[in-house]
């Protein structure tokens, strides 16, 4: 296929009209936003919940959003060690077509997978500004599963991917500082929200029923993917009274069930039932060192359940000073300290984190085209024979 995109790049370079943000674009108005993500429904994880809720809130504010995701009919293959995650391939031509038809003002690339890399390549070739977000500590995840791959290699890839963007949205100030020290640029914090209607103290012991009926208290619960990078084994090894419960599924579930017969593994839970598992617990335990935020921490707090965690990125940003939990290098001590917390305190802290504010912050972090240049850009692009 002949590549006819070069004249477009030459024209913007020669005229000095590279597509950048101007002050006129900071005014509040509906925008056309293209979101590209390798993680989307029916996957159930913090990244998908964050993106889907942000999309819903943005649309409620009047923005037009098109989402490019693996479920659009692309050929897919399962991510190694994460078979429930399907990665789309050979999608670059279709992504280019969707860009041209939608004419987005702002483009956000949420993940570093095949779709994200294809969209990044198109943006770079066409001179389109875009933003990215850093959702997971990818180098640590890879190193935990494949120890022969050094962290330095993972971070080199992540710098290459993200530093091309106009702005990198990260979950917390401490994560921003950590990435800056590793050579990442144009970083800004993008906090998360929580559904305070679904996750609510009223879900505790509904009609006098307890989802942990018959289990010795206190109940220590963890919710999430049961995988090595989540460090769940450290939680299960703690010398604590009562019963440890691990809600969810994942490749390490059967191994941990065999290794810790005293723990309870009720499987994955969703919606109201999941909220009840949060609400009926005494303490939520978050042993992960690799998450960048840990949305489940806010979901537990919204149910009135205090959180015990290591001083990792995410917990150390939202727990200290909240009254809703404790962080400590001694996770057992943090767990025991949480038993003394008034359950009204975690709820009060969670109420400060709305999905609407999350969406507002997301839009403010985007870098849309100036409107006049945007029109000229897409008009020139339509004249080209090749999309990419």
Foldseek 3Di string as FASTA:
>chain_A
DDDPLVVLVVVCVVVVPQFFFDPVVLDDDAFEEEEEEADEPPDDDDLHVLVVLLVVLSVVSPHHYDYHYQPPPADWAADVQGRVRTGGPPCLQVVLVVCLVSLGQAYEYEDDGRRSVSVLVLCVSNSNAYAYEDFWLVLLVCCLVPVVDDSVVVLVVVQVSHQVHQAYEAAFPVVQVVVVVVPHDRYDYQHGADDLVQQALCLECPVVHAPCPPWFDQEEEEEDEPDRQQVVVVVLPDDDPTAYEYEEYGDCVVVVCVVRVRHHYPYHDDTNVVSRVLLHHQAYEREHQIGQAPVVQLSSLSNLHAYFYACHHRCVRQPPPQLRFDHDPPRNVRRVVSNPGGSVRSNVSNVVGHSSVSSVVVVSSTITGDVVVSVVSSVVCVPDPGSD
